[in-house]
Amino acid sequence: MLALNNVEVMYDRVILVLKGLSLAVPDGKIVALLGANGAGKSTTLKAISGLLRTEDGAVTDGSVELDGVRLDRLDAADIVRRGIFHVLEGRRVFEHLSVEENLLAGAHTRRDGNRRSDLESVYAYFPRLRERRSGDAGYLSGGEQQMLAIGRALMAQPRFMLLDEPSLGLAPMLVQEIFDIVRRINTERGTTILLVEQNARVALDIAEYGYIMESGRVVLEGSADALRANEDVREFYLGLSEVGERKSYRDVKHYKRRKRWLS
C-alpha cells in the first residue's frame, strides 16, 4: 500500500503547494488523480518519487509511506530501488540516444541480467518501438515518445508506476491506444498505477478509484463509477450537462463559485 498522510509540500521554504493531502493506492490497482492545472497533481507525484529536492521542494509535514516505510526520508534512487518509477510529464526521453538505449537506461538500477527478455516484453506492448529500436529517440513522434517513456519504466520492473499526464498533446485515437496498453500492463503484470490526468474521461475508464484535487487538497474521492455518476464531476470534469449533453468550455469555465464541494 502506498499512502500519503496529511502531506504538506513547500517550495523554496515559502510556497505552500500541498495542504494536508491524504490518499491511498492499494497494491495492484489503478488510481486516478484528477484536477486542473495548478491543483498540485505533479507535485504529489514528485513527493512520492523523491524528485522534490531537484526543484527546492520538500515534504514539510505529514508522511509518504510504502508499506509503512517513510519514502519522504529517502533519495530518489532509493525509491526507484523499492519499486516506484515516475514517468514524468512531457516524456523526457534521451533524444540523442537510440530507442533501445533509452529502454536499457531504465534498467540501470537492476542487478540481474534479464534485460533482453524485458526488452522483448516492452516491444510486445509497443511494436512501434521495435520498428524504431535503432533510431534516435528525438525523431519519434509525441505518441511514440510517450510509449518509450512507459517502456523505459517497465524496464525497471516497477511495482508502482507513477504516470504524469500521459495523454498530454496526443491525438484521441493515440491516447486510447496508450491507455489500453496501460490497462494491460496493470492486468498482466500486476503493476500498481497512480495516474495523474486532466482528461478525466479516459482516466476514469481504466481506473478503479479516483481523487479530485483543487488548490493542493483532495476535494472529492470515490470509485470510478461513483465519480462518473457524480453530477459535479459530470459537469465540471466530463463536460456534460445534467441531461447528459456535452457542454462547451465556454459554459464550464466559470464554474468555481458554484461547486457544491467548495461551498
C-alpha atoms as a PDB file:
ATOM      1  CA  MET A   1       0.000   0.000   0.000  1.00  0.00           C
ATOM      2  CA  LEU A   2       1.262   3.445  -0.966  1.00  0.00           C
ATOM      3  CA  ALA A   3      -0.130   6.142   1.327  1.00  0.00           C
ATOM      4  CA  LEU A   4       0.160   9.906   1.692  1.00  0.00           C
ATOM      5  CA  ASN A   5      -0.879  11.079   5.148  1.00  0.00           C
ATOM      6  CA  ASN A   6      -1.722  14.774   5.637  1.00  0.00           C
ATOM      7  CA  VAL A   7       1.164  15.788   3.391  1.00  0.00           C
ATOM      8  CA  GLU A   8       2.267  19.397   3.077  1.00  0.00           C
ATOM      9  CA  VAL A   9       4.792  20.370   0.412  1.00  0.00           C
ATOM     10  CA  MET A  10       6.595  23.675   0.288  1.00  0.00           C
ATOM     11  CA  TYR A  11       8.861  25.111  -2.406  1.00  0.00           C
ATOM     12  CA  ASP A  12      11.714  27.485  -1.598  1.00  0.00           C
ATOM     13  CA  ARG A  13      10.574  27.362   2.050  1.00  0.00           C
ATOM     14  CA  VAL A  14       7.769  29.842   1.325  1.00  0.00           C
ATOM     15  CA  ILE A  15       5.368  28.494  -1.349  1.00  0.00           C
ATOM     16  CA  LEU A  16       2.866  26.018   0.099  1.00  0.00           C
ATOM     17  CA  VAL A  17       1.566  23.752  -2.681  1.00  0.00           C
ATOM     18  CA  LEU A  18       0.103  20.673  -0.968  1.00  0.00           C
ATOM     19  CA  LYS A  19      -2.052  21.451   2.048  1.00  0.00           C
ATOM     20  CA  GLY A  20      -2.717  18.352   4.114  1.00  0.00           C
ATOM     21  CA  LEU A  21      -3.222  15.928   1.249  1.00  0.00           C
ATOM     22  CA  SER A  22      -4.105  12.304   2.020  1.00  0.00           C
ATOM     23  CA  LEU A  23      -4.649   9.442  -0.410  1.00  0.00           C
ATOM     24  CA  ALA A  24      -4.028   5.710  -0.685  1.00  0.00           C
ATOM     25  CA  VAL A  25      -3.067   3.493  -3.619  1.00  0.00           C
ATOM     26  CA  PRO A  26      -3.709  -0.229  -2.921  1.00  0.00           C
ATOM     27  CA  ASP A  27      -1.452  -2.841  -4.483  1.00  0.00           C
ATOM     28  CA  GLY A  28      -2.467  -3.987  -7.943  1.00  0.00           C
ATOM     29  CA  LYS A  29      -4.949  -1.166  -8.620  1.00  0.00           C
ATOM     30  CA  ILE A  30      -5.133   1.798 -10.980  1.00  0.00           C
ATOM     31  CA  VAL A  31      -5.942   5.012  -9.115  1.00  0.00           C
ATOM     32  CA  ALA A  32      -6.598   8.298 -10.918  1.00  0.00           C
ATOM     33  CA  LEU A  33      -5.600  11.702  -9.565  1.00  0.00           C
ATOM     34  CA  LEU A  34      -7.602  14.341 -11.401  1.00  0.00           C
ATOM     35  CA  GLY A  35      -7.692  18.115 -11.416  1.00  0.00           C
ATOM     36  CA  ALA A  36      -6.963  21.250 -13.386  1.00  0.00           C
ATOM     37  CA  ASN A  37      -3.561  22.847 -13.961  1.00  0.00           C
ATOM     38  CA  GLY A  38      -2.060  24.098 -10.716  1.00  0.00           C
ATOM     39  CA  ALA A  39      -4.024  21.751  -8.479  1.00  0.00           C
ATOM     40  CA  GLY A  40      -0.836  20.090  -7.213  1.00  0.00           C
ATOM     41  CA  LYS A  41      -1.060  16.773  -9.064  1.00  0.00           C
ATOM     42  CA  SER A  42       2.505  16.710 -10.393  1.00  0.00           C
ATOM     43  CA  THR A  43       3.841  17.891  -7.045  1.00  0.00           C
ATOM     44  CA  THR A  44       2.077  14.932  -5.433  1.00  0.00           C
ATOM     45  CA  LEU A  45       3.912  12.505  -7.714  1.00  0.00           C
ATOM     46  CA  LYS A  46       7.242  14.222  -7.032  1.00  0.00           C
ATOM     47  CA  ALA A  47       6.611  13.964  -3.298  1.00  0.00           C
ATOM     48  CA  ILE A  48       6.279  10.192  -3.787  1.00  0.00           C
ATOM     49  CA  SER A  49       9.245   9.714  -6.157  1.00  0.00           C
ATOM     50  CA  GLY A  50      11.702  11.937  -4.275  1.00  0.00           C
ATOM     51  CA  LEU A  51      12.121  14.475  -7.073  1.00  0.00           C
ATOM     52  CA  LEU A  52      11.041  17.484  -4.991  1.00  0.00           C
ATOM     53  CA  ARG A  53      14.611  18.142  -3.925  1.00  0.00           C
ATOM     54  CA  THR A  54      15.661  18.868  -7.513  1.00  0.00           C
ATOM     55  CA  GLU A  55      13.214  21.816  -7.501  1.00  0.00           C
ATOM     56  CA  ASP A  56      13.937  23.136  -3.983  1.00  0.00           C
ATOM     57  CA  GLY A  57      10.789  21.474  -2.684  1.00  0.00           C
ATOM     58  CA  ALA A  58      10.276  19.399   0.441  1.00  0.00           C
ATOM     59  CA  VAL A  59       7.640  17.497   2.402  1.00  0.00           C
ATOM     60  CA  THR A  60       7.307  19.784   5.411  1.00  0.00           C
ATOM     61  CA  ASP A  61       4.551  17.917   7.241  1.00  0.00           C
ATOM     62  CA  GLY A  62       2.855  14.530   7.108  1.00  0.00           C
ATOM     63  CA  SER A  63       4.383  11.420   5.561  1.00  0.00           C
ATOM     64  CA  VAL A  64       4.691   9.450   2.321  1.00  0.00           C
ATOM     65  CA  GLU A  65       4.812   5.724   3.085  1.00  0.00           C
ATOM     66  CA  LEU A  66       5.176   2.459   1.218  1.00  0.00           C
ATOM     67  CA  ASP A  67       4.141  -0.485   3.396  1.00  0.00           C
ATOM     68  CA  GLY A  68       4.835   1.636   6.467  1.00  0.00           C
ATOM     69  CA  VAL A  69       8.321   2.776   5.338  1.00  0.00           C
ATOM     70  CA  ARG A  70       8.802   6.547   5.074  1.00  0.00           C
ATOM     71  CA  LEU A  71       9.676   7.410   1.459  1.00  0.00           C
ATOM     72  CA  ASP A  72       9.953  11.143   2.104  1.00  0.00           C
ATOM     73  CA  ARG A  73      13.168  10.452   4.038  1.00  0.00           C
ATOM     74  CA  LEU A  74      14.816   8.613   1.106  1.00  0.00           C
ATOM     75  CA  ASP A  75      16.506   9.916  -2.028  1.00  0.00           C
ATOM     76  CA  ALA A  76      15.084   9.283  -5.499  1.00  0.00           C
ATOM     77  CA  ALA A  77      17.461   6.413  -6.341  1.00  0.00           C
ATOM     78  CA  ASP A  78      16.477   4.508  -3.194  1.00  0.00           C
ATOM     79  CA  ILE A  79      12.801   4.988  -4.027  1.00  0.00           C
ATOM     80  CA  VAL A  80      13.328   3.527  -7.523  1.00  0.00           C
ATOM     81  CA  ARG A  81      15.067   0.515  -5.966  1.00  0.00           C
ATOM     82  CA  ARG A  82      11.993  -0.007  -3.802  1.00  0.00           C
ATOM     83  CA  GLY A  83       9.931  -0.424  -6.962  1.00  0.00           C
ATOM     84  CA  ILE A  84       8.490   3.045  -7.679  1.00  0.00           C
ATOM     85  CA  PHE A  85       9.113   4.541 -11.140  1.00  0.00           C
ATOM     86  CA  HIS A  86       7.959   8.032 -12.129  1.00  0.00           C
ATOM     87  CA  VAL A  87       7.083   8.701 -15.793  1.00  0.00           C
ATOM     88  CA  LEU A  88       7.374  12.472 -15.951  1.00  0.00           C
ATOM     89  CA  GLU A  89       5.088  14.853 -17.810  1.00  0.00           C
ATOM     90  CA  GLY A  90       6.461  15.667 -21.239  1.00  0.00           C
ATOM     91  CA  ARG A  91       8.078  12.246 -21.791  1.00  0.00           C
ATOM     92  CA  ARG A  92      11.711  13.405 -21.091  1.00  0.00           C
ATOM     93  CA  VAL A  93      13.362  10.842 -23.352  1.00  0.00           C
ATOM     94  CA  PHE A  94      17.100  10.981 -24.086  1.00  0.00           C
ATOM     95  CA  GLU A  95      16.804  12.437 -27.569  1.00  0.00           C
ATOM     96  CA  HIS A  96      20.344  11.660 -28.792  1.00  0.00           C
ATOM     97  CA  LEU A  97      20.231   8.019 -27.689  1.00  0.00           C
ATOM     98  CA  SER A  98      18.535   5.288 -29.677  1.00  0.00           C
ATOM     99  CA  VAL A  99      15.183   3.867 -28.668  1.00  0.00           C
ATOM    100  CA  GLU A 100      16.819   0.717 -27.355  1.00  0.00           C
ATOM    101  CA  GLU A 101      19.475   2.678 -25.445  1.00  0.00           C
ATOM    102  CA  ASN A 102      16.683   4.665 -23.795  1.00  0.00           C
ATOM    103  CA  LEU A 103      14.981   1.445 -22.745  1.00  0.00           C
ATOM    104  CA  LEU A 104      18.186  -0.035 -21.359  1.00  0.00           C
ATOM    105  CA  ALA A 105      18.725   3.146 -19.332  1.00  0.00           C
ATOM    106  CA  GLY A 106      15.518   2.312 -17.470  1.00  0.00           C
ATOM    107  CA  ALA A 107      17.118  -0.863 -16.127  1.00  0.00           C
ATOM    108  CA  HIS A 108      20.277   0.775 -14.751  1.00  0.00           C
ATOM    109  CA  THR A 109      19.295   0.217 -11.080  1.00  0.00           C
ATOM    110  CA  ARG A 110      18.770  -3.510 -11.553  1.00  0.00           C
ATOM    111  CA  ARG A 111      21.322  -6.143 -10.614  1.00  0.00           C
ATOM    112  CA  ASP A 112      20.008  -9.126 -12.615  1.00  0.00           C
ATOM    113  CA  GLY A 113      20.817  -9.976 -16.215  1.00  0.00           C
ATOM    114  CA  ASN A 114      17.355 -10.405 -17.754  1.00  0.00           C
ATOM    115  CA  ARG A 115      17.348  -7.207 -19.782  1.00  0.00           C
ATOM    116  CA  ARG A 116      16.971  -8.904 -23.165  1.00  0.00           C
ATOM    117  CA  SER A 117      13.757 -10.688 -22.174  1.00  0.00           C
ATOM    118  CA  ASP A 118      12.443  -7.448 -20.695  1.00  0.00           C
ATOM    119  CA  LEU A 119      13.190  -5.644 -23.962  1.00  0.00           C
ATOM    120  CA  GLU A 120      11.148  -8.248 -25.801  1.00  0.00           C
ATOM    121  CA  SER A 121       8.308  -7.744 -23.331  1.00  0.00           C
ATOM    122  CA  VAL A 122       8.338  -3.975 -23.924  1.00  0.00           C
ATOM    123  CA  TYR A 123       8.388  -4.475 -27.690  1.00  0.00           C
ATOM    124  CA  ALA A 124       5.394  -6.800 -27.367  1.00  0.00           C
ATOM    125  CA  TYR A 125       3.434  -3.978 -25.715  1.00  0.00           C
ATOM    126  CA  PHE A 126       4.755  -1.339 -28.118  1.00  0.00           C
ATOM    127  CA  PRO A 127       5.505  -2.850 -31.574  1.00  0.00           C
ATOM    128  CA  ARG A 128       6.278   0.618 -32.949  1.00  0.00           C
ATOM    129  CA  LEU A 129       9.300   0.813 -30.661  1.00  0.00           C
ATOM    130  CA  ARG A 130      10.645  -2.448 -32.097  1.00  0.00           C
ATOM    131  CA  GLU A 131      10.423  -0.939 -35.573  1.00  0.00           C
ATOM    132  CA  ARG A 132      12.303   2.176 -34.413  1.00  0.00           C
ATOM    133  CA  ARG A 133      14.683   0.477 -31.982  1.00  0.00           C
ATOM    134  CA  SER A 134      17.908   1.691 -33.639  1.00  0.00           C
ATOM    135  CA  GLY A 135      16.724   5.219 -34.450  1.00  0.00           C
ATOM    136  CA  ASP A 136      17.339   8.309 -32.318  1.00  0.00           C
ATOM    137  CA  ALA A 137      14.553   8.902 -29.797  1.00  0.00           C
ATOM    138  CA  GLY A 138      14.456  12.589 -30.713  1.00  0.00           C
ATOM    139  CA  TYR A 139      12.948  11.698 -34.095  1.00  0.00           C
ATOM    140  CA  LEU A 140       9.993   9.825 -32.631  1.00  0.00           C
ATOM    141  CA  SER A 141       6.513  11.320 -32.703  1.00  0.00           C
ATOM    142  CA  GLY A 142       4.975  12.547 -29.456  1.00  0.00           C
ATOM    143  CA  GLY A 143       2.948   9.366 -29.100  1.00  0.00           C
ATOM    144  CA  GLU A 144       5.964   7.169 -29.754  1.00  0.00           C
ATOM    145  CA  GLN A 145       7.968   9.111 -27.178  1.00  0.00           C
ATOM    146  CA  GLN A 146       5.203   8.513 -24.630  1.00  0.00           C
ATOM    147  CA  MET A 147       5.342   4.808 -25.431  1.00  0.00           C
ATOM    148  CA  LEU A 148       9.113   4.930 -24.976  1.00  0.00           C
ATOM    149  CA  ALA A 149       8.797   6.674 -21.605  1.00  0.00           C
ATOM    150  CA  ILE A 150       6.384   3.996 -20.357  1.00  0.00           C
ATOM    151  CA  GLY A 151       8.540   1.235 -21.845  1.00  0.00           C
ATOM    152  CA  ARG A 152      11.615   2.641 -20.112  1.00  0.00           C
ATOM    153  CA  ALA A 153       9.695   2.498 -16.828  1.00  0.00           C
ATOM    154  CA  LEU A 154       8.787  -1.145 -17.451  1.00  0.00           C
ATOM    155  CA  MET A 155      12.469  -1.982 -17.833  1.00  0.00           C
ATOM    156  CA  ALA A 156      12.891  -1.189 -14.135  1.00  0.00           C
ATOM    157  CA  GLN A 157      10.286  -3.871 -13.336  1.00  0.00           C
ATOM    158  CA  PRO A 158       8.344  -1.394 -11.180  1.00  0.00           C
ATOM    159  CA  ARG A 159       5.917  -2.413  -8.504  1.00  0.00           C
ATOM    160  CA  PHE A 160       4.335   1.070  -8.653  1.00  0.00           C
ATOM    161  CA  MET A 161       4.252   3.278 -11.741  1.00  0.00           C
ATOM    162  CA  LEU A 162       3.510   6.999 -11.448  1.00  0.00           C
ATOM    163  CA  LEU A 163       2.174   8.333 -14.772  1.00  0.00           C
ATOM    164  CA  ASP A 164       2.040  12.119 -15.176  1.00  0.00           C
ATOM    165  CA  GLU A 165      -0.304  13.341 -17.932  1.00  0.00           C
ATOM    166  CA  PRO A 166       0.346  10.568 -20.491  1.00  0.00           C
ATOM    167  CA  SER A 167      -2.358  11.979 -22.796  1.00  0.00           C
ATOM    168  CA  LEU A 168      -0.788  15.443 -22.995  1.00  0.00           C
ATOM    169  CA  GLY A 169      -0.600  16.699 -26.579  1.00  0.00           C
ATOM    170  CA  LEU A 170      -1.706  13.434 -28.180  1.00  0.00           C
ATOM    171  CA  ALA A 171      -4.495  12.736 -30.650  1.00  0.00           C
ATOM    172  CA  PRO A 172      -7.572  10.984 -29.175  1.00  0.00           C
ATOM    173  CA  MET A 173      -7.019   7.689 -31.019  1.00  0.00           C
ATOM    174  CA  LEU A 174      -3.429   7.518 -29.818  1.00  0.00           C
ATOM    175  CA  VAL A 175      -4.494   8.372 -26.268  1.00  0.00           C
ATOM    176  CA  GLN A 176      -6.928   5.453 -26.323  1.00  0.00           C
ATOM    177  CA  GLU A 177      -4.226   3.109 -27.625  1.00  0.00           C
ATOM    178  CA  ILE A 178      -1.790   4.088 -24.865  1.00  0.00           C
ATOM    179  CA  PHE A 179      -4.414   3.844 -22.127  1.00  0.00           C
ATOM    180  CA  ASP A 180      -5.446   0.399 -23.368  1.00  0.00           C
ATOM    181  CA  ILE A 181      -1.808  -0.683 -23.019  1.00  0.00           C
ATOM    182  CA  VAL A 182      -1.607   0.824 -19.536  1.00  0.00           C
ATOM    183  CA  ARG A 183      -4.650  -1.249 -18.577  1.00  0.00           C
ATOM    184  CA  ARG A 184      -2.971  -4.368 -19.994  1.00  0.00           C
ATOM    185  CA  ILE A 185       0.209  -3.672 -18.021  1.00  0.00           C
ATOM    186  CA  ASN A 186      -1.835  -3.458 -14.836  1.00  0.00           C
ATOM    187  CA  THR A 187      -3.797  -6.634 -15.602  1.00  0.00           C
ATOM    188  CA  GLU A 188      -0.985  -8.788 -16.962  1.00  0.00           C
ATOM    189  CA  ARG A 189       1.924  -7.657 -14.786  1.00  0.00           C
ATOM    190  CA  GLY A 190       0.055  -6.597 -11.644  1.00  0.00           C
ATOM    191  CA  THR A 191       1.760  -3.199 -11.745  1.00  0.00           C
ATOM    192  CA  THR A 192       0.073  -0.676  -9.456  1.00  0.00           C
ATOM    193  CA  ILE A 193      -0.512   2.642 -11.228  1.00  0.00           C
ATOM    194  CA  LEU A 194      -1.156   6.147  -9.913  1.00  0.00           C
ATOM    195  CA  LEU A 195      -2.352   8.098 -12.929  1.00  0.00           C
ATOM    196  CA  VAL A 196      -2.323  11.904 -12.998  1.00  0.00           C
ATOM    197  CA  GLU A 197      -4.621  13.260 -15.721  1.00  0.00           C
ATOM    198  CA  GLN A 198      -6.637  16.277 -16.783  1.00  0.00           C
ATOM    199  CA  ASN A 199      -8.580  14.064 -19.187  1.00  0.00           C
ATOM    200  CA  ALA A 200     -10.986  12.687 -16.602  1.00  0.00           C
ATOM    201  CA  ARG A 201     -12.959  10.668 -19.122  1.00  0.00           C
ATOM    202  CA  VAL A 202     -10.132   8.383 -20.253  1.00  0.00           C
ATOM    203  CA  ALA A 203      -8.633   8.183 -16.753  1.00  0.00           C
ATOM    204  CA  LEU A 204     -11.892   7.020 -15.158  1.00  0.00           C
ATOM    205  CA  ASP A 205     -12.368   4.471 -17.942  1.00  0.00           C
ATOM    206  CA  ILE A 206      -9.343   2.484 -16.726  1.00  0.00           C
ATOM    207  CA  ALA A 207      -9.110   3.465 -13.034  1.00  0.00           C
ATOM    208  CA  GLU A 208     -10.908   1.693 -10.209  1.00  0.00           C
ATOM    209  CA  TYR A 209     -10.770   4.633  -7.809  1.00  0.00           C
ATOM    210  CA  GLY A 210     -10.179   8.343  -8.167  1.00  0.00           C
ATOM    211  CA  TYR A 211      -9.297  11.502  -6.278  1.00  0.00           C
ATOM    212  CA  ILE A 212     -10.070  15.033  -7.438  1.00  0.00           C
ATOM    213  CA  MET A 213      -7.648  17.766  -6.352  1.00  0.00           C
ATOM    214  CA  GLU A 214      -8.003  21.512  -6.194  1.00  0.00           C
ATOM    215  CA  SER A 215      -5.594  24.035  -4.685  1.00  0.00           C
ATOM    216  CA  GLY A 216      -3.404  21.398  -3.079  1.00  0.00           C
ATOM    217  CA  ARG A 217      -6.215  19.414  -1.445  1.00  0.00           C
ATOM    218  CA  VAL A 218      -8.394  16.424  -2.235  1.00  0.00           C
ATOM    219  CA  VAL A 219     -11.938  17.746  -2.603  1.00  0.00           C
ATOM    220  CA  LEU A 220     -13.689  14.574  -3.756  1.00  0.00           C
ATOM    221  CA  GLU A 221     -12.917  10.854  -3.931  1.00  0.00           C
ATOM    222  CA  GLY A 222     -14.687   7.624  -4.751  1.00  0.00           C
ATOM    223  CA  SER A 223     -14.874   4.657  -7.078  1.00  0.00           C
ATOM    224  CA  ALA A 224     -14.555   5.415 -10.785  1.00  0.00           C
ATOM    225  CA  ASP A 225     -18.223   4.526 -11.295  1.00  0.00           C
ATOM    226  CA  ALA A 226     -19.322   6.836  -8.468  1.00  0.00           C
ATOM    227  CA  LEU A 227     -17.245   9.727  -9.809  1.00  0.00           C
ATOM    228  CA  ARG A 228     -18.581   9.268 -13.347  1.00  0.00           C
ATOM    229  CA  ALA A 229     -22.115   9.385 -11.950  1.00  0.00           C
ATOM    230  CA  ASN A 230     -21.486  12.416  -9.733  1.00  0.00           C
ATOM    231  CA  GLU A 231     -23.319  15.461 -11.087  1.00  0.00           C
ATOM    232  CA  ASP A 232     -20.472  17.870 -10.298  1.00  0.00           C
ATOM    233  CA  VAL A 233     -17.847  15.630 -11.885  1.00  0.00           C
ATOM    234  CA  ARG A 234     -20.004  15.157 -14.969  1.00  0.00           C
ATOM    235  CA  GLU A 235     -20.399  18.906 -15.406  1.00  0.00           C
ATOM    236  CA  PHE A 236     -17.025  20.245 -14.351  1.00  0.00           C
ATOM    237  CA  TYR A 237     -14.684  17.453 -15.461  1.00  0.00           C
ATOM    238  CA  LEU A 238     -16.533  15.442 -18.101  1.00  0.00           C
ATOM    239  CA  GLY A 239     -18.196  18.469 -19.700  1.00  0.00           C
ATOM    240  CA  LEU A 240     -21.738  17.066 -19.602  1.00  0.00           C
ATOM    241  CA  SER A 241     -24.956  18.752 -18.568  1.00  0.00           C
ATOM    242  CA  GLU A 242     -27.488  17.242 -16.145  1.00  0.00           C
ATOM    243  CA  VAL A 243     -29.266  15.509 -19.018  1.00  0.00           C
ATOM    244  CA  GLY A 244     -26.051  14.054 -20.427  1.00  0.00           C
ATOM    245  CA  GLU A 245     -25.500  16.585 -23.211  1.00  0.00           C
ATOM    246  CA  ARG A 246     -21.980  17.800 -23.841  1.00  0.00           C
ATOM    247  CA  LYS A 247     -21.325  21.346 -22.617  1.00  0.00           C
ATOM    248  CA  SER A 248     -18.932  23.747 -24.247  1.00  0.00           C
ATOM    249  CA  TYR A 249     -15.864  25.006 -22.421  1.00  0.00           C
ATOM    250  CA  ARG A 250     -17.409  28.485 -22.587  1.00  0.00           C
ATOM    251  CA  ASP A 251     -20.242  27.227 -20.361  1.00  0.00           C
ATOM    252  CA  VAL A 252     -17.989  25.324 -17.969  1.00  0.00           C
ATOM    253  CA  LYS A 253     -15.047  27.620 -17.367  1.00  0.00           C
ATOM    254  CA  HIS A 254     -16.822  29.886 -14.848  1.00  0.00           C
ATOM    255  CA  TYR A 255     -17.795  27.010 -12.595  1.00  0.00           C
ATOM    256  CA  LYS A 256     -15.658  27.518  -9.496  1.00  0.00           C
ATOM    257  CA  ARG A 257     -18.045  29.502  -7.315  1.00  0.00           C
ATOM    258  CA  ARG A 258     -20.911  27.053  -7.980  1.00  0.00           C
ATOM    259  CA  LYS A 259     -19.140  23.877  -6.914  1.00  0.00           C
ATOM    260  CA  ARG A 260     -21.044  22.225  -4.128  1.00  0.00           C
ATOM    261  CA  TRP A 261     -17.888  20.727  -2.638  1.00  0.00           C
ATOM    262  CA  LEU A 262     -16.395  24.224  -2.184  1.00  0.00           C
ATOM    263  CA  SER A 263     -19.479  25.722  -0.558  1.00  0.00           C
END
